[in-house]
Amino acid sequence: MKRHAFIFWIAIALAVLGIVWDIIDRNAAMLPRIFIPLGVVAIVFLLYKFPPARYRKRPKIKPSARTMEKVAAAKRSQSTGKRKHYPFQVIEGSKGKNDDQQPKYH
């Protein structure tokens, strides 16, 4: 992740260096043409950083009673213990066990 950020900032620095070099090379004749893209970038950045109020708010949705019961039941089951207790039990079969037929590394 840090590598991507490093490459991004190098690209930004080279772009700024190119713009500055172009302004110096062509004196101030190019300055009015640069204001429009810089203005667009500034507006996009400000809208990204500080979105309008209608896009900032998330609608509050009240969960139904059934959903709240499920959430409460899940919390209770987690707090009681890690293992679930089932009403089943293992019944040994009538065939008997033969140790020779079972794999050694099972």
C-alpha atoms as a PDB file:
ATOM      1  CA  MET A   1       0.000   0.000   0.000  1.00  0.00           C
ATOM      2  CA  LYS A   2       2.824   2.387   0.797  1.00  0.00           C
ATOM      3  CA  ARG A   3       4.352   1.719  -2.626  1.00  0.00           C
ATOM      4  CA  HIS A   4       1.164   2.889  -4.353  1.00  0.00           C
ATOM      5  CA  ALA A   5       1.084   6.054  -2.260  1.00  0.00           C
ATOM      6  CA  PHE A   6       4.741   6.719  -3.064  1.00  0.00           C
ATOM      7  CA  ILE A   7       4.107   6.342  -6.805  1.00  0.00           C
ATOM      8  CA  PHE A   8       1.022   8.581  -6.541  1.00  0.00           C
ATOM      9  CA  TRP A   9       2.922  11.399  -4.840  1.00  0.00           C
ATOM     10  CA  ILE A  10       5.783  11.136  -7.333  1.00  0.00           C
ATOM     11  CA  ALA A  11       3.257  11.499 -10.188  1.00  0.00           C
ATOM     12  CA  ILE A  12       1.669  14.523  -8.483  1.00  0.00           C
ATOM     13  CA  ALA A  13       5.079  16.131  -7.938  1.00  0.00           C
ATOM     14  CA  LEU A  14       6.039  15.578 -11.589  1.00  0.00           C
ATOM     15  CA  ALA A  15       2.732  17.065 -12.751  1.00  0.00           C
ATOM     16  CA  VAL A  16       3.237  20.155 -10.597  1.00  0.00           C
ATOM     17  CA  LEU A  17       6.836  20.445 -11.794  1.00  0.00           C
ATOM     18  CA  GLY A  18       5.639  20.223 -15.409  1.00  0.00           C
ATOM     19  CA  ILE A  19       3.035  22.931 -14.886  1.00  0.00           C
ATOM     20  CA  VAL A  20       5.543  25.221 -13.174  1.00  0.00           C
ATOM     21  CA  TRP A  21       8.129  24.600 -15.905  1.00  0.00           C
ATOM     22  CA  ASP A  22       5.523  25.349 -18.595  1.00  0.00           C
ATOM     23  CA  ILE A  23       4.571  28.628 -16.881  1.00  0.00           C
ATOM     24  CA  ILE A  24       8.209  29.674 -16.587  1.00  0.00           C
ATOM     25  CA  ASP A  25       9.000  28.637 -20.169  1.00  0.00           C
ATOM     26  CA  ARG A  26       6.068  30.493 -21.749  1.00  0.00           C
ATOM     27  CA  ASN A  27       6.236  33.361 -19.278  1.00  0.00           C
ATOM     28  CA  ALA A  28       2.772  34.336 -18.076  1.00  0.00           C
ATOM     29  CA  ALA A  29       0.893  33.744 -21.348  1.00  0.00           C
ATOM     30  CA  MET A  30      -0.296  30.317 -20.213  1.00  0.00           C
ATOM     31  CA  LEU A  31      -1.454  31.440 -16.778  1.00  0.00           C
ATOM     32  CA  PRO A  32      -5.123  32.145 -17.725  1.00  0.00           C
ATOM     33  CA  ARG A  33      -5.446  28.691 -19.362  1.00  0.00           C
ATOM     34  CA  ILE A  34      -4.289  27.013 -16.139  1.00  0.00           C
ATOM     35  CA  PHE A  35      -6.910  28.658 -13.923  1.00  0.00           C
ATOM     36  CA  ILE A  36      -9.818  26.634 -15.347  1.00  0.00           C
ATOM     37  CA  PRO A  37      -8.365  23.142 -14.705  1.00  0.00           C
ATOM     38  CA  LEU A  38      -7.057  24.237 -11.291  1.00  0.00           C
ATOM     39  CA  GLY A  39     -10.485  25.616 -10.448  1.00  0.00           C
ATOM     40  CA  VAL A  40     -12.201  22.378 -11.488  1.00  0.00           C
ATOM     41  CA  VAL A  41      -9.752  20.316  -9.435  1.00  0.00           C
ATOM     42  CA  ALA A  42     -10.259  22.617  -6.433  1.00  0.00           C
ATOM     43  CA  ILE A  43     -14.070  22.360  -6.697  1.00  0.00           C
ATOM     44  CA  VAL A  44     -13.969  18.560  -6.973  1.00  0.00           C
ATOM     45  CA  PHE A  45     -11.623  18.358  -3.995  1.00  0.00           C
ATOM     46  CA  LEU A  46     -13.830  20.627  -1.876  1.00  0.00           C
ATOM     47  CA  LEU A  47     -16.971  18.670  -2.801  1.00  0.00           C
ATOM     48  CA  TYR A  48     -15.205  15.442  -1.913  1.00  0.00           C
ATOM     49  CA  LYS A  49     -13.908  16.752   1.405  1.00  0.00           C
ATOM     50  CA  PHE A  50     -17.055  18.691   2.388  1.00  0.00           C
ATOM     51  CA  PRO A  51     -20.082  17.162   0.627  1.00  0.00           C
ATOM     52  CA  PRO A  52     -23.399  19.038   0.573  1.00  0.00           C
ATOM     53  CA  ALA A  53     -25.745  18.393   3.493  1.00  0.00           C
ATOM     54  CA  ARG A  54     -28.239  16.383   1.450  1.00  0.00           C
ATOM     55  CA  TYR A  55     -25.556  13.833   0.524  1.00  0.00           C
ATOM     56  CA  ARG A  56     -24.012  13.714   3.982  1.00  0.00           C
ATOM     57  CA  LYS A  57     -27.059  12.469   5.849  1.00  0.00           C
ATOM     58  CA  ARG A  58     -27.896   8.826   5.834  1.00  0.00           C
ATOM     59  CA  PRO A  59     -31.551   7.965   6.274  1.00  0.00           C
ATOM     60  CA  LYS A  60     -32.353   6.568   9.682  1.00  0.00           C
ATOM     61  CA  ILE A  61     -34.193   3.305   9.364  1.00  0.00           C
ATOM     62  CA  LYS A  62     -35.888   1.955  12.431  1.00  0.00           C
ATOM     63  CA  PRO A  63     -35.396  -1.817  12.615  1.00  0.00           C
ATOM     64  CA  SER A  64     -38.497  -3.915  13.015  1.00  0.00           C
ATOM     65  CA  ALA A  65     -39.339  -5.670  16.268  1.00  0.00           C
ATOM     66  CA  ARG A  66     -38.588  -9.018  14.660  1.00  0.00           C
ATOM     67  CA  THR A  67     -35.113  -7.868  13.666  1.00  0.00           C
ATOM     68  CA  MET A  68     -34.447  -6.550  17.163  1.00  0.00           C
ATOM     69  CA  GLU A  69     -35.499  -9.917  18.631  1.00  0.00           C
ATOM     70  CA  LYS A  70     -33.001 -11.683  16.344  1.00  0.00           C
ATOM     71  CA  VAL A  71     -30.215  -9.300  17.356  1.00  0.00           C
ATOM     72  CA  ALA A  72     -31.002  -9.737  21.046  1.00  0.00           C
ATOM     73  CA  ALA A  73     -31.124 -13.522  20.688  1.00  0.00           C
ATOM     74  CA  ALA A  74     -27.767 -13.524  18.898  1.00  0.00           C
ATOM     75  CA  LYS A  75     -26.208 -11.444  21.683  1.00  0.00           C
ATOM     76  CA  ARG A  76     -27.594 -13.766  24.345  1.00  0.00           C
ATOM     77  CA  SER A  77     -26.347 -16.886  22.576  1.00  0.00           C
ATOM     78  CA  GLN A  78     -22.848 -15.428  22.204  1.00  0.00           C
ATOM     79  CA  SER A  79     -22.595 -14.421  25.829  1.00  0.00           C
ATOM     80  CA  THR A  80     -23.736 -17.784  27.244  1.00  0.00           C
ATOM     81  CA  GLY A  81     -20.898 -19.811  25.785  1.00  0.00           C
ATOM     82  CA  LYS A  82     -19.031 -20.852  22.715  1.00  0.00           C
ATOM     83  CA  ARG A  83     -20.510 -24.323  22.280  1.00  0.00           C
ATOM     84  CA  LYS A  84     -24.015 -25.051  21.204  1.00  0.00           C
ATOM     85  CA  HIS A  85     -25.831 -27.844  23.011  1.00  0.00           C
ATOM     86  CA  TYR A  86     -27.878 -30.110  20.804  1.00  0.00           C
ATOM     87  CA  PRO A  87     -30.441 -32.635  22.107  1.00  0.00           C
ATOM     88  CA  PHE A  88     -28.743 -35.464  20.196  1.00  0.00           C
ATOM     89  CA  GLN A  89     -26.486 -38.212  21.406  1.00  0.00           C
ATOM     90  CA  VAL A  90     -24.381 -40.806  19.639  1.00  0.00           C
ATOM     91  CA  ILE A  91     -25.658 -44.378  19.774  1.00  0.00           C
ATOM     92  CA  GLU A  92     -23.074 -47.096  19.276  1.00  0.00           C
ATOM     93  CA  GLY A  93     -23.866 -49.447  16.415  1.00  0.00           C
ATOM     94  CA  SER A  94     -24.426 -53.213  16.810  1.00  0.00           C
ATOM     95  CA  LYS A  95     -21.755 -54.276  14.293  1.00  0.00           C
ATOM     96  CA  GLY A  96     -18.865 -53.827  16.661  1.00  0.00           C
ATOM     97  CA  LYS A  97     -15.587 -52.180  15.904  1.00  0.00           C
ATOM     98  CA  ASN A  98     -12.786 -53.810  13.992  1.00  0.00           C
ATOM     99  CA  ASP A  99      -9.476 -52.038  14.574  1.00  0.00           C
ATOM    100  CA  ASP A 100      -7.799 -53.773  11.620  1.00  0.00           C
ATOM    101  CA  GLN A 101     -10.043 -52.139   9.032  1.00  0.00           C
ATOM    102  CA  GLN A 102      -9.713 -48.592  10.310  1.00  0.00           C
ATOM    103  CA  PRO A 103      -6.907 -46.541   8.822  1.00  0.00           C
ATOM    104  CA  LYS A 104      -3.963 -45.970  11.138  1.00  0.00           C
ATOM    105  CA  TYR A 105      -3.738 -42.253  10.400  1.00  0.00           C
ATOM    106  CA  HIS A 106      -7.347 -41.242  10.532  1.00  0.00           C
END
